[in-house]
Amino acid sequence: MKISRRSLMGLAVCAGLAMGAVPAAQAFEPVKPIDFIIMAGKGGGADKMARLMQTIVEKHNMASKPLIPINKPGGSGAEALVHVQNAKDQDHTIMVTLNSFYTTPMRQPGLGVDSLKFAPIARMAEDTFLLWVHKDSGLTSFDQWVDHVKKVGDKWVMGGTGKLQEDQLITDFLNANFDLKIKYVPYKGGGTVAKQVAGKHVNSSVNNPSEIEGFYKAGTAIPLVSFTKERLDAFPNAPTMKEKGHDFAYYMQRSVVGAPGMSQEAQDYYTALFKKVYESAEWQDYRTKKSLYGEFLTGDDLRDYWKVNNETHRAMLAKMGAS
């Protein structure tokens, strides 16, 4: 059968329309609930942050599938790090981090974990630390505290989260710079540590504000000094360490990371999601009320931030003889 030139042109147009009707590759969207791993125990700053973010996402219908918070505090975060690194579905596995994100891989090289290989989704904040005592201690100033702790030596107990991570690093700083002999006792989460202070089972802690806020408002826990560059508005009577003659400030990373093998499309999706969370009124209110610092970071900027903090913590651990 002879086909005219006009018929051939018509066939070509139809073919073009048919090809155009084929949908382009879709951007990533979760197809099942997202594992939201928390590398700390329940009640701590990371746990409270993760559950607030989950609430914000659900309240504003920001994601097509829910975030499922899962606490994995074992081994100073080692349990969480290994779980996320080996996740079967890396596009549906994300994690809230602490500074043990840096220190635990250094202390436990056998884990085979490299922090810099995780997907840099979003730094949501930098948390702050203060030194806390029970009101019944009778101590109302940092200077009083130093004098008293010198006298009691290793009978003074500091409760903290994990071994050779954030709280112990600060405790080591206090021991080294004020000639103290504080005994450090680790627990699985900041919420548990705050309860130990309130119950007088330990003598002090360096809890984040969000972890011990209830006991502070009740008048049970008293802050004596802050490990920040400036006094915190919420605790105006707590001087900074710099005011006490030591230019020392220490902050806790509050970031969301993806599994090392996460696809770029999934990483882009979660970055956009947590940017919305960061900009929400609820998150900004939380940042103010909980004395959080730090702007939103992602991508190469966040990875560069990790590199700097990796080296800072490597030096701190080496000074402690731990790395």
C-alpha atoms as a PDB file:
ATOM      1  CA  MET A   1       0.000   0.000   0.000  1.00  0.00           C
ATOM      2  CA  LYS A   2       1.287   3.359  -1.012  1.00  0.00           C
ATOM      3  CA  ILE A   3       1.449   5.901   1.862  1.00  0.00           C
ATOM      4  CA  SER A   4       1.246   9.538   0.940  1.00  0.00           C
ATOM      5  CA  ARG A   5       3.657  12.172   2.224  1.00  0.00           C
ATOM      6  CA  ARG A   6       0.792  13.752   4.202  1.00  0.00           C
ATOM      7  CA  SER A   7       0.036  10.393   5.869  1.00  0.00           C
ATOM      8  CA  LEU A   8       3.680   9.955   6.850  1.00  0.00           C
ATOM      9  CA  MET A   9       3.702  13.409   8.419  1.00  0.00           C
ATOM     10  CA  GLY A  10       0.534  12.551  10.314  1.00  0.00           C
ATOM     11  CA  LEU A  11       2.082   9.335  11.634  1.00  0.00           C
ATOM     12  CA  ALA A  12       5.136  11.259  12.769  1.00  0.00           C
ATOM     13  CA  VAL A  13       3.008  13.786  14.655  1.00  0.00           C
ATOM     14  CA  CYS A  14       1.043  10.980  16.322  1.00  0.00           C
ATOM     15  CA  ALA A  15       4.262   9.250  17.319  1.00  0.00           C
ATOM     16  CA  GLY A  16       5.544  12.513  18.777  1.00  0.00           C
ATOM     17  CA  LEU A  17       2.348  12.984  20.784  1.00  0.00           C
ATOM     18  CA  ALA A  18       2.567   9.430  22.031  1.00  0.00           C
ATOM     19  CA  MET A  19       6.117   9.926  23.164  1.00  0.00           C
ATOM     20  CA  GLY A  20       5.161  13.180  24.821  1.00  0.00           C
ATOM     21  CA  ALA A  21       2.408  11.399  26.705  1.00  0.00           C
ATOM     22  CA  VAL A  22       4.976   9.223  28.501  1.00  0.00           C
ATOM     23  CA  PRO A  23       5.460  10.860  31.923  1.00  0.00           C
ATOM     24  CA  ALA A  24       8.908  12.173  32.765  1.00  0.00           C
ATOM     25  CA  ALA A  25      10.814  10.566  35.620  1.00  0.00           C
ATOM     26  CA  GLN A  26       9.132  11.574  38.864  1.00  0.00           C
ATOM     27  CA  ALA A  27      10.996  13.343  41.686  1.00  0.00           C
ATOM     28  CA  PHE A  28      11.467  11.212  44.786  1.00  0.00           C
ATOM     29  CA  GLU A  29       8.474  10.740  47.093  1.00  0.00           C
ATOM     30  CA  PRO A  30       8.466   8.307  50.031  1.00  0.00           C
ATOM     31  CA  VAL A  31       6.370   5.236  49.302  1.00  0.00           C
ATOM     32  CA  LYS A  32       6.314   3.951  52.888  1.00  0.00           C
ATOM     33  CA  PRO A  33       6.810   5.303  56.438  1.00  0.00           C
ATOM     34  CA  ILE A  34      10.243   6.839  57.025  1.00  0.00           C
ATOM     35  CA  ASP A  35      12.455   5.428  59.779  1.00  0.00           C
ATOM     36  CA  PHE A  36      13.486   8.441  61.879  1.00  0.00           C
ATOM     37  CA  ILE A  37      16.377   7.131  63.974  1.00  0.00           C
ATOM     38  CA  ILE A  38      17.368   8.963  67.175  1.00  0.00           C
ATOM     39  CA  MET A  39      20.900   8.226  68.396  1.00  0.00           C
ATOM     40  CA  ALA A  40      19.930   8.846  72.043  1.00  0.00           C
ATOM     41  CA  GLY A  41      17.403   7.716  74.636  1.00  0.00           C
ATOM     42  CA  LYS A  42      13.887   8.977  75.284  1.00  0.00           C
ATOM     43  CA  GLY A  43      13.417  12.305  77.020  1.00  0.00           C
ATOM     44  CA  GLY A  44      16.715  13.848  75.934  1.00  0.00           C
ATOM     45  CA  GLY A  45      17.238  16.864  73.705  1.00  0.00           C
ATOM     46  CA  ALA A  46      17.583  14.837  70.493  1.00  0.00           C
ATOM     47  CA  ASP A  47      14.463  12.821  71.298  1.00  0.00           C
ATOM     48  CA  LYS A  48      12.370  15.912  72.058  1.00  0.00           C
ATOM     49  CA  MET A  49      13.611  17.614  68.913  1.00  0.00           C
ATOM     50  CA  ALA A  50      12.821  14.619  66.702  1.00  0.00           C
ATOM     51  CA  ARG A  51       9.315  14.189  68.083  1.00  0.00           C
ATOM     52  CA  LEU A  52       8.570  17.895  67.688  1.00  0.00           C
ATOM     53  CA  MET A  53       9.700  17.765  64.053  1.00  0.00           C
ATOM     54  CA  GLN A  54       7.524  14.694  63.508  1.00  0.00           C
ATOM     55  CA  THR A  55       4.556  16.622  64.930  1.00  0.00           C
ATOM     56  CA  ILE A  56       5.218  19.650  62.720  1.00  0.00           C
ATOM     57  CA  VAL A  57       5.439  17.493  59.594  1.00  0.00           C
ATOM     58  CA  GLU A  58       2.155  15.748  60.399  1.00  0.00           C
ATOM     59  CA  LYS A  59       0.321  18.911  61.470  1.00  0.00           C
ATOM     60  CA  HIS A  60       1.085  20.704  58.208  1.00  0.00           C
ATOM     61  CA  ASN A  61       0.911  17.622  55.928  1.00  0.00           C
ATOM     62  CA  MET A  62       4.456  18.268  54.756  1.00  0.00           C
ATOM     63  CA  ALA A  63       5.241  14.669  53.799  1.00  0.00           C
ATOM     64  CA  SER A  64       3.358  11.990  51.909  1.00  0.00           C
ATOM     65  CA  LYS A  65       4.360   9.359  54.486  1.00  0.00           C
ATOM     66  CA  PRO A  66       4.854   9.652  58.262  1.00  0.00           C
ATOM     67  CA  LEU A  67       8.135   9.903  60.148  1.00  0.00           C
ATOM     68  CA  ILE A  68       8.489   7.057  62.669  1.00  0.00           C
ATOM     69  CA  PRO A  69      10.803   7.994  65.596  1.00  0.00           C
ATOM     70  CA  ILE A  70      12.968   5.068  66.739  1.00  0.00           C
ATOM     71  CA  ASN A  71      15.382   5.459  69.666  1.00  0.00           C
ATOM     72  CA  LYS A  72      18.719   3.626  69.337  1.00  0.00           C
ATOM     73  CA  PRO A  73      20.957   4.930  72.152  1.00  0.00           C
ATOM     74  CA  GLY A  74      23.225   1.910  72.600  1.00  0.00           C
ATOM     75  CA  GLY A  75      26.998   2.292  72.618  1.00  0.00           C
ATOM     76  CA  SER A  76      26.985   6.107  72.755  1.00  0.00           C
ATOM     77  CA  GLY A  77      25.167   6.212  69.433  1.00  0.00           C
ATOM     78  CA  ALA A  78      27.041   3.299  67.839  1.00  0.00           C
ATOM     79  CA  GLU A  79      23.819   1.312  67.540  1.00  0.00           C
ATOM     80  CA  ALA A  80      22.168   4.111  65.552  1.00  0.00           C
ATOM     81  CA  LEU A  81      25.171   4.831  63.350  1.00  0.00           C
ATOM     82  CA  VAL A  82      25.599   1.198  62.319  1.00  0.00           C
ATOM     83  CA  HIS A  83      21.858   0.748  61.786  1.00  0.00           C
ATOM     84  CA  VAL A  84      21.605   3.735  59.445  1.00  0.00           C
ATOM     85  CA  GLN A  85      24.835   2.938  57.612  1.00  0.00           C
ATOM     86  CA  ASN A  86      23.580  -0.595  56.925  1.00  0.00           C
ATOM     87  CA  ALA A  87      19.936   0.338  56.296  1.00  0.00           C
ATOM     88  CA  LYS A  88      18.288  -1.887  53.704  1.00  0.00           C
ATOM     89  CA  ASP A  89      16.229   0.990  52.340  1.00  0.00           C
ATOM     90  CA  GLN A  90      18.549   3.973  52.488  1.00  0.00           C
ATOM     91  CA  ASP A  91      16.063   6.344  50.858  1.00  0.00           C
ATOM     92  CA  HIS A  92      13.621   5.782  53.728  1.00  0.00           C
ATOM     93  CA  THR A  93      16.090   6.015  56.631  1.00  0.00           C
ATOM     94  CA  ILE A  94      17.144   9.283  58.270  1.00  0.00           C
ATOM     95  CA  MET A  95      18.677  10.107  61.656  1.00  0.00           C
ATOM     96  CA  VAL A  96      18.852  12.890  64.250  1.00  0.00           C
ATOM     97  CA  THR A  97      22.428  13.395  65.423  1.00  0.00           C
ATOM     98  CA  LEU A  98      24.362  14.512  68.486  1.00  0.00           C
ATOM     99  CA  ASN A  99      28.089  15.222  68.769  1.00  0.00           C
ATOM    100  CA  SER A 100      28.607  11.487  69.251  1.00  0.00           C
ATOM    101  CA  PHE A 101      28.163  11.543  65.463  1.00  0.00           C
ATOM    102  CA  TYR A 102      31.819  12.653  65.530  1.00  0.00           C
ATOM    103  CA  THR A 103      33.262  11.026  68.640  1.00  0.00           C
ATOM    104  CA  THR A 104      31.822   7.501  68.533  1.00  0.00           C
ATOM    105  CA  PRO A 105      33.358   6.560  65.130  1.00  0.00           C
ATOM    106  CA  MET A 106      36.717   7.888  66.388  1.00  0.00           C
ATOM    107  CA  ARG A 107      36.520   5.933  69.635  1.00  0.00           C
ATOM    108  CA  GLN A 108      35.233   2.769  67.992  1.00  0.00           C
ATOM    109  CA  PRO A 109      37.034   2.433  64.635  1.00  0.00           C
ATOM    110  CA  GLY A 110      35.946  -1.198  64.462  1.00  0.00           C
ATOM    111  CA  LEU A 111      32.451   0.025  63.613  1.00  0.00           C
ATOM    112  CA  GLY A 112      33.688   0.998  60.160  1.00  0.00           C
ATOM    113  CA  VAL A 113      31.661   4.221  60.284  1.00  0.00           C
ATOM    114  CA  ASP A 114      32.757   7.423  58.545  1.00  0.00           C
ATOM    115  CA  SER A 115      30.606  10.383  59.605  1.00  0.00           C
ATOM    116  CA  LEU A 116      31.493  12.351  56.480  1.00  0.00           C
ATOM    117  CA  LYS A 117      29.854   9.741  54.253  1.00  0.00           C
ATOM    118  CA  PHE A 118      26.357  10.303  55.637  1.00  0.00           C
ATOM    119  CA  ALA A 119      23.998  12.401  53.509  1.00  0.00           C
ATOM    120  CA  PRO A 120      23.997  16.044  54.759  1.00  0.00           C
ATOM    121  CA  ILE A 121      20.287  16.869  54.938  1.00  0.00           C
ATOM    122  CA  ALA A 122      19.864  19.692  57.453  1.00  0.00           C
ATOM    123  CA  ARG A 123      21.441  21.273  60.489  1.00  0.00           C
ATOM    124  CA  MET A 124      18.411  22.414  62.455  1.00  0.00           C
ATOM    125  CA  ALA A 125      20.176  23.994  65.436  1.00  0.00           C
ATOM    126  CA  GLU A 126      23.083  23.962  67.847  1.00  0.00           C
ATOM    127  CA  ASP A 127      22.012  23.134  71.393  1.00  0.00           C
ATOM    128  CA  THR A 128      23.522  24.696  74.500  1.00  0.00           C
ATOM    129  CA  PHE A 129      24.882  23.396  77.798  1.00  0.00           C
ATOM    130  CA  LEU A 130      24.717  24.672  81.370  1.00  0.00           C
ATOM    131  CA  LEU A 131      26.037  23.318  84.653  1.00  0.00           C
ATOM    132  CA  TRP A 132      23.151  22.256  86.933  1.00  0.00           C
ATOM    133  CA  VAL A 133      22.875  21.386  90.630  1.00  0.00           C
ATOM    134  CA  HIS A 134      19.972  20.552  92.931  1.00  0.00           C
ATOM    135  CA  LYS A 135      18.640  23.486  94.938  1.00  0.00           C
ATOM    136  CA  ASP A 136      19.311  21.556  98.173  1.00  0.00           C
ATOM    137  CA  SER A 137      23.051  21.588  97.452  1.00  0.00           C
ATOM    138  CA  GLY A 138      23.093  25.101  98.841  1.00  0.00           C
ATOM    139  CA  LEU A 139      25.329  26.184  95.946  1.00  0.00           C
ATOM    140  CA  THR A 140      24.174  29.341  94.201  1.00  0.00           C
ATOM    141  CA  SER A 141      27.242  30.420  92.204  1.00  0.00           C
ATOM    142  CA  PHE A 142      29.884  28.802  90.046  1.00  0.00           C
ATOM    143  CA  ASP A 143      32.677  30.039  92.312  1.00  0.00           C
ATOM    144  CA  GLN A 144      30.999  28.400  95.317  1.00  0.00           C
ATOM    145  CA  TRP A 145      30.637  25.226  93.306  1.00  0.00           C
ATOM    146  CA  VAL A 146      34.339  25.130  92.363  1.00  0.00           C
ATOM    147  CA  ASP A 147      35.433  25.647  95.976  1.00  0.00           C
ATOM    148  CA  HIS A 148      33.084  22.942  97.232  1.00  0.00           C
ATOM    149  CA  VAL A 149      33.968  20.380  94.540  1.00  0.00           C
ATOM    150  CA  LYS A 150      37.682  20.860  95.223  1.00  0.00           C
ATOM    151  CA  LYS A 151      37.057  19.939  98.851  1.00  0.00           C
ATOM    152  CA  VAL A 152      35.043  16.776  98.169  1.00  0.00           C
ATOM    153  CA  GLY A 153      37.301  15.535  95.354  1.00  0.00           C
ATOM    154  CA  ASP A 154      36.148  12.394  93.551  1.00  0.00           C
ATOM    155  CA  LYS A 155      33.113  12.103  95.798  1.00  0.00           C
ATOM    156  CA  TRP A 156      31.426  14.664  93.550  1.00  0.00           C
ATOM    157  CA  VAL A 157      29.471  12.864  90.799  1.00  0.00           C
ATOM    158  CA  MET A 158      28.578  14.369  87.423  1.00  0.00           C
ATOM    159  CA  GLY A 159      25.850  12.568  85.509  1.00  0.00           C
ATOM    160  CA  GLY A 160      26.016  12.628  81.724  1.00  0.00           C
ATOM    161  CA  THR A 161      25.025  10.925  78.501  1.00  0.00           C
ATOM    162  CA  GLY A 162      27.393   8.260  77.209  1.00  0.00           C
ATOM    163  CA  LYS A 163      31.119   7.675  77.527  1.00  0.00           C
ATOM    164  CA  LEU A 164      33.649  10.090  76.069  1.00  0.00           C
ATOM    165  CA  GLN A 165      31.051  12.203  74.339  1.00  0.00           C
ATOM    166  CA  GLU A 166      29.560  15.647  74.917  1.00  0.00           C
ATOM    167  CA  ASP A 167      28.902  15.657  78.667  1.00  0.00           C
ATOM    168  CA  GLN A 168      32.129  13.909  79.546  1.00  0.00           C
ATOM    169  CA  LEU A 169      34.140  16.268  77.332  1.00  0.00           C
ATOM    170  CA  ILE A 170      32.759  19.218  79.308  1.00  0.00           C
ATOM    171  CA  THR A 171      33.398  17.412  82.596  1.00  0.00           C
ATOM    172  CA  ASP A 172      36.983  16.808  81.532  1.00  0.00           C
ATOM    173  CA  PHE A 173      37.346  20.493  80.715  1.00  0.00           C
ATOM    174  CA  LEU A 174      36.145  21.409  84.223  1.00  0.00           C
ATOM    175  CA  ASN A 175      38.507  18.910  85.859  1.00  0.00           C
ATOM    176  CA  ALA A 176      41.496  20.076  83.847  1.00  0.00           C
ATOM    177  CA  ASN A 177      40.934  23.820  84.135  1.00  0.00           C
ATOM    178  CA  PHE A 178      39.748  24.102  87.730  1.00  0.00           C
ATOM    179  CA  ASP A 179      41.880  21.394  89.347  1.00  0.00           C
ATOM    180  CA  LEU A 180      38.871  19.185  90.128  1.00  0.00           C
ATOM    181  CA  LYS A 181      38.449  15.410  90.449  1.00  0.00           C
ATOM    182  CA  ILE A 182      34.831  14.964  89.439  1.00  0.00           C
ATOM    183  CA  LYS A 183      33.659  11.387  88.937  1.00  0.00           C
ATOM    184  CA  TYR A 184      31.698  11.010  85.718  1.00  0.00           C
ATOM    185  CA  VAL A 185      28.798   8.529  85.519  1.00  0.00           C
ATOM    186  CA  PRO A 186      27.164   7.916  82.090  1.00  0.00           C
ATOM    187  CA  TYR A 187      23.482   7.290  81.372  1.00  0.00           C
ATOM    188  CA  LYS A 188      21.623   6.566  78.132  1.00  0.00           C
ATOM    189  CA  GLY A 189      19.883   9.913  77.695  1.00  0.00           C
ATOM    190  CA  GLY A 190      19.694  13.510  78.854  1.00  0.00           C
ATOM    191  CA  GLY A 191      16.183  13.045  80.221  1.00  0.00           C
ATOM    192  CA  THR A 192      17.421  10.300  82.522  1.00  0.00           C
ATOM    193  CA  VAL A 193      20.348  12.475  83.629  1.00  0.00           C
ATOM    194  CA  ALA A 194      18.001  15.342  84.539  1.00  0.00           C
ATOM    195  CA  LYS A 195      15.960  12.959  86.680  1.00  0.00           C
ATOM    196  CA  GLN A 196      19.132  11.821  88.427  1.00  0.00           C
ATOM    197  CA  VAL A 197      19.865  15.436  89.389  1.00  0.00           C
ATOM    198  CA  ALA A 198      16.286  16.027  90.543  1.00  0.00           C
ATOM    199  CA  GLY A 199      16.367  12.811  92.583  1.00  0.00           C
ATOM    200  CA  LYS A 200      19.758  13.690  94.110  1.00  0.00           C
ATOM    201  CA  HIS A 201      21.306  10.504  92.731  1.00  0.00           C
ATOM    202  CA  VAL A 202      24.093  12.572  91.132  1.00  0.00           C
ATOM    203  CA  ASN A 203      25.492  15.904  92.294  1.00  0.00           C
ATOM    204  CA  SER A 204      25.422  17.811  89.011  1.00  0.00           C
ATOM    205  CA  SER A 205      24.914  17.618  85.253  1.00  0.00           C
ATOM    206  CA  VAL A 206      25.557  19.667  82.126  1.00  0.00           C
ATOM    207  CA  ASN A 207      22.105  19.103  80.647  1.00  0.00           C
ATOM    208  CA  ASN A 208      20.758  20.984  77.631  1.00  0.00           C
ATOM    209  CA  PRO A 209      17.935  23.379  78.651  1.00  0.00           C
ATOM    210  CA  SER A 210      15.196  21.326  76.974  1.00  0.00           C
ATOM    211  CA  GLU A 211      16.139  18.243  78.998  1.00  0.00           C
ATOM    212  CA  ILE A 212      15.954  19.784  82.463  1.00  0.00           C
ATOM    213  CA  GLU A 213      13.522  22.644  81.849  1.00  0.00           C
ATOM    214  CA  GLY A 214      10.715  21.148  83.939  1.00  0.00           C
ATOM    215  CA  PHE A 215      12.920  20.809  87.001  1.00  0.00           C
ATOM    216  CA  TYR A 216      14.273  24.338  86.481  1.00  0.00           C
ATOM    217  CA  LYS A 217      10.775  25.811  86.324  1.00  0.00           C
ATOM    218  CA  ALA A 218       9.857  23.872  89.464  1.00  0.00           C
ATOM    219  CA  GLY A 219      12.856  25.404  91.245  1.00  0.00           C
ATOM    220  CA  THR A 220      14.501  22.006  91.734  1.00  0.00           C
ATOM    221  CA  ALA A 221      17.475  22.494  89.404  1.00  0.00           C
ATOM    222  CA  ILE A 222      19.694  25.600  89.424  1.00  0.00           C
ATOM    223  CA  PRO A 223      22.029  26.648  86.562  1.00  0.00           C
ATOM    224  CA  LEU A 224      25.423  27.937  87.713  1.00  0.00           C
ATOM    225  CA  VAL A 225      27.279  28.659  84.466  1.00  0.00           C
ATOM    226  CA  SER A 226      26.679  28.369  80.714  1.00  0.00           C
ATOM    227  CA  PHE A 227      29.093  26.970  78.135  1.00  0.00           C
ATOM    228  CA  THR A 228      28.098  29.554  75.531  1.00  0.00           C
ATOM    229  CA  LYS A 229      29.687  32.657  74.033  1.00  0.00           C
ATOM    230  CA  GLU A 230      27.034  34.921  75.528  1.00  0.00           C
ATOM    231  CA  ARG A 231      24.617  34.667  78.445  1.00  0.00           C
ATOM    232  CA  LEU A 232      21.390  32.924  77.519  1.00  0.00           C
ATOM    233  CA  ASP A 233      18.268  35.078  77.690  1.00  0.00           C
ATOM    234  CA  ALA A 234      16.369  32.300  79.430  1.00  0.00           C
ATOM    235  CA  PHE A 235      19.042  32.028  82.161  1.00  0.00           C
ATOM    236  CA  PRO A 236      20.317  35.589  82.688  1.00  0.00           C
ATOM    237  CA  ASN A 237      21.844  34.816  86.095  1.00  0.00           C
ATOM    238  CA  ALA A 238      24.120  32.091  84.738  1.00  0.00           C
ATOM    239  CA  PRO A 239      27.462  33.641  83.676  1.00  0.00           C
ATOM    240  CA  THR A 240      29.425  32.296  80.730  1.00  0.00           C
ATOM    241  CA  MET A 241      32.644  30.372  81.118  1.00  0.00           C
ATOM    242  CA  LYS A 242      34.415  33.286  79.441  1.00  0.00           C
ATOM    243  CA  GLU A 243      33.273  35.498  82.315  1.00  0.00           C
ATOM    244  CA  LYS A 244      35.017  33.008  84.580  1.00  0.00           C
ATOM    245  CA  GLY A 245      38.307  33.470  82.799  1.00  0.00           C
ATOM    246  CA  HIS A 246      38.163  30.658  80.225  1.00  0.00           C
ATOM    247  CA  ASP A 247      37.352  31.303  76.569  1.00  0.00           C
ATOM    248  CA  PHE A 248      35.458  28.039  76.198  1.00  0.00           C
ATOM    249  CA  ALA A 249      32.115  27.504  74.465  1.00  0.00           C
ATOM    250  CA  TYR A 250      30.680  24.165  73.409  1.00  0.00           C
ATOM    251  CA  TYR A 251      27.566  23.410  71.384  1.00  0.00           C
ATOM    252  CA  MET A 252      25.632  20.283  70.433  1.00  0.00           C
ATOM    253  CA  GLN A 253      24.913  19.553  66.789  1.00  0.00           C
ATOM    254  CA  ARG A 254      21.219  19.017  66.107  1.00  0.00           C
ATOM    255  CA  SER A 255      21.199  17.790  62.514  1.00  0.00           C
ATOM    256  CA  VAL A 256      19.230  15.398  60.337  1.00  0.00           C
ATOM    257  CA  VAL A 257      21.329  13.085  58.166  1.00  0.00           C
ATOM    258  CA  GLY A 258      20.590  10.425  55.619  1.00  0.00           C
ATOM    259  CA  ALA A 259      22.098   6.990  55.107  1.00  0.00           C
ATOM    260  CA  PRO A 260      25.459   7.043  53.249  1.00  0.00           C
ATOM    261  CA  GLY A 261      23.932   5.412  50.158  1.00  0.00           C
ATOM    262  CA  MET A 262      20.904   7.697  49.928  1.00  0.00           C
ATOM    263  CA  SER A 263      20.068   8.821  46.393  1.00  0.00           C
ATOM    264  CA  GLN A 264      20.487  12.486  45.506  1.00  0.00           C
ATOM    265  CA  GLU A 265      16.768  12.698  44.715  1.00  0.00           C
ATOM    266  CA  ALA A 266      15.857  11.475  48.188  1.00  0.00           C
ATOM    267  CA  GLN A 267      18.397  13.796  49.797  1.00  0.00           C
ATOM    268  CA  ASP A 268      16.881  16.740  47.930  1.00  0.00           C
ATOM    269  CA  TYR A 269      13.411  15.717  49.088  1.00  0.00           C
ATOM    270  CA  TYR A 270      14.387  15.547  52.770  1.00  0.00           C
ATOM    271  CA  THR A 271      16.365  18.790  52.581  1.00  0.00           C
ATOM    272  CA  ALA A 272      13.295  20.594  51.232  1.00  0.00           C
ATOM    273  CA  LEU A 273      11.122  18.921  53.880  1.00  0.00           C
ATOM    274  CA  PHE A 274      13.281  19.959  56.825  1.00  0.00           C
ATOM    275  CA  LYS A 275      13.739  23.468  55.409  1.00  0.00           C
ATOM    276  CA  LYS A 276       9.942  23.787  55.726  1.00  0.00           C
ATOM    277  CA  VAL A 277      10.142  22.460  59.281  1.00  0.00           C
ATOM    278  CA  TYR A 278      12.927  24.917  60.108  1.00  0.00           C
ATOM    279  CA  GLU A 279      10.906  27.849  58.777  1.00  0.00           C
ATOM    280  CA  SER A 280       7.717  26.848  60.612  1.00  0.00           C
ATOM    281  CA  ALA A 281       6.467  29.042  63.449  1.00  0.00           C
ATOM    282  CA  GLU A 282       6.568  26.040  65.777  1.00  0.00           C
ATOM    283  CA  TRP A 283      10.258  25.348  65.178  1.00  0.00           C
ATOM    284  CA  GLN A 284      11.274  28.988  65.455  1.00  0.00           C
ATOM    285  CA  ASP A 285       9.349  29.258  68.722  1.00  0.00           C
ATOM    286  CA  TYR A 286      11.072  26.115  69.997  1.00  0.00           C
ATOM    287  CA  ARG A 287      14.491  27.533  69.066  1.00  0.00           C
ATOM    288  CA  THR A 288      13.806  30.655  71.116  1.00  0.00           C
ATOM    289  CA  LYS A 289      12.310  28.918  74.132  1.00  0.00           C
ATOM    290  CA  LYS A 290      15.004  26.219  74.309  1.00  0.00           C
ATOM    291  CA  SER A 291      17.958  28.587  73.836  1.00  0.00           C
ATOM    292  CA  LEU A 292      19.062  27.055  70.528  1.00  0.00           C
ATOM    293  CA  TYR A 293      21.664  28.629  68.257  1.00  0.00           C
ATOM    294  CA  GLY A 294      22.673  27.988  64.646  1.00  0.00           C
ATOM    295  CA  GLU A 295      21.159  28.672  61.246  1.00  0.00           C
ATOM    296  CA  PHE A 296      19.955  26.153  58.679  1.00  0.00           C
ATOM    297  CA  LEU A 297      22.779  24.359  56.866  1.00  0.00           C
ATOM    298  CA  THR A 298      22.707  21.660  54.211  1.00  0.00           C
ATOM    299  CA  GLY A 299      24.771  20.107  51.426  1.00  0.00           C
ATOM    300  CA  ASP A 300      28.437  21.055  51.155  1.00  0.00           C
ATOM    301  CA  ASP A 301      28.091  23.719  53.864  1.00  0.00           C
ATOM    302  CA  LEU A 302      26.892  21.123  56.344  1.00  0.00           C
ATOM    303  CA  ARG A 303      29.593  18.664  55.354  1.00  0.00           C
ATOM    304  CA  ASP A 304      32.242  21.390  55.817  1.00  0.00           C
ATOM    305  CA  TYR A 305      30.772  22.047  59.269  1.00  0.00           C
ATOM    306  CA  TRP A 306      31.186  18.338  60.057  1.00  0.00           C
ATOM    307  CA  LYS A 307      34.814  18.413  58.911  1.00  0.00           C
ATOM    308  CA  VAL A 308      35.658  21.272  61.288  1.00  0.00           C
ATOM    309  CA  ASN A 309      33.854  19.610  64.184  1.00  0.00           C
ATOM    310  CA  ASN A 310      35.466  16.261  63.449  1.00  0.00           C
ATOM    311  CA  GLU A 311      38.908  17.792  63.902  1.00  0.00           C
ATOM    312  CA  THR A 312      37.835  19.745  66.998  1.00  0.00           C
ATOM    313  CA  HIS A 313      36.557  16.582  68.655  1.00  0.00           C
ATOM    314  CA  ARG A 314      39.568  14.559  67.545  1.00  0.00           C
ATOM    315  CA  ALA A 315      41.772  17.063  69.365  1.00  0.00           C
ATOM    316  CA  MET A 316      39.541  16.982  72.470  1.00  0.00           C
ATOM    317  CA  LEU A 317      39.634  13.197  72.614  1.00  0.00           C
ATOM    318  CA  ALA A 318      43.405  13.154  72.136  1.00  0.00           C
ATOM    319  CA  LYS A 319      43.788  15.563  75.034  1.00  0.00           C
ATOM    320  CA  MET A 320      41.758  13.154  77.163  1.00  0.00           C
ATOM    321  CA  GLY A 321      43.990  10.299  76.056  1.00  0.00           C
ATOM    322  CA  ALA A 322      41.018   8.637  74.422  1.00  0.00           C
ATOM    323  CA  SER A 323      41.983   8.853  70.763  1.00  0.00           C
END
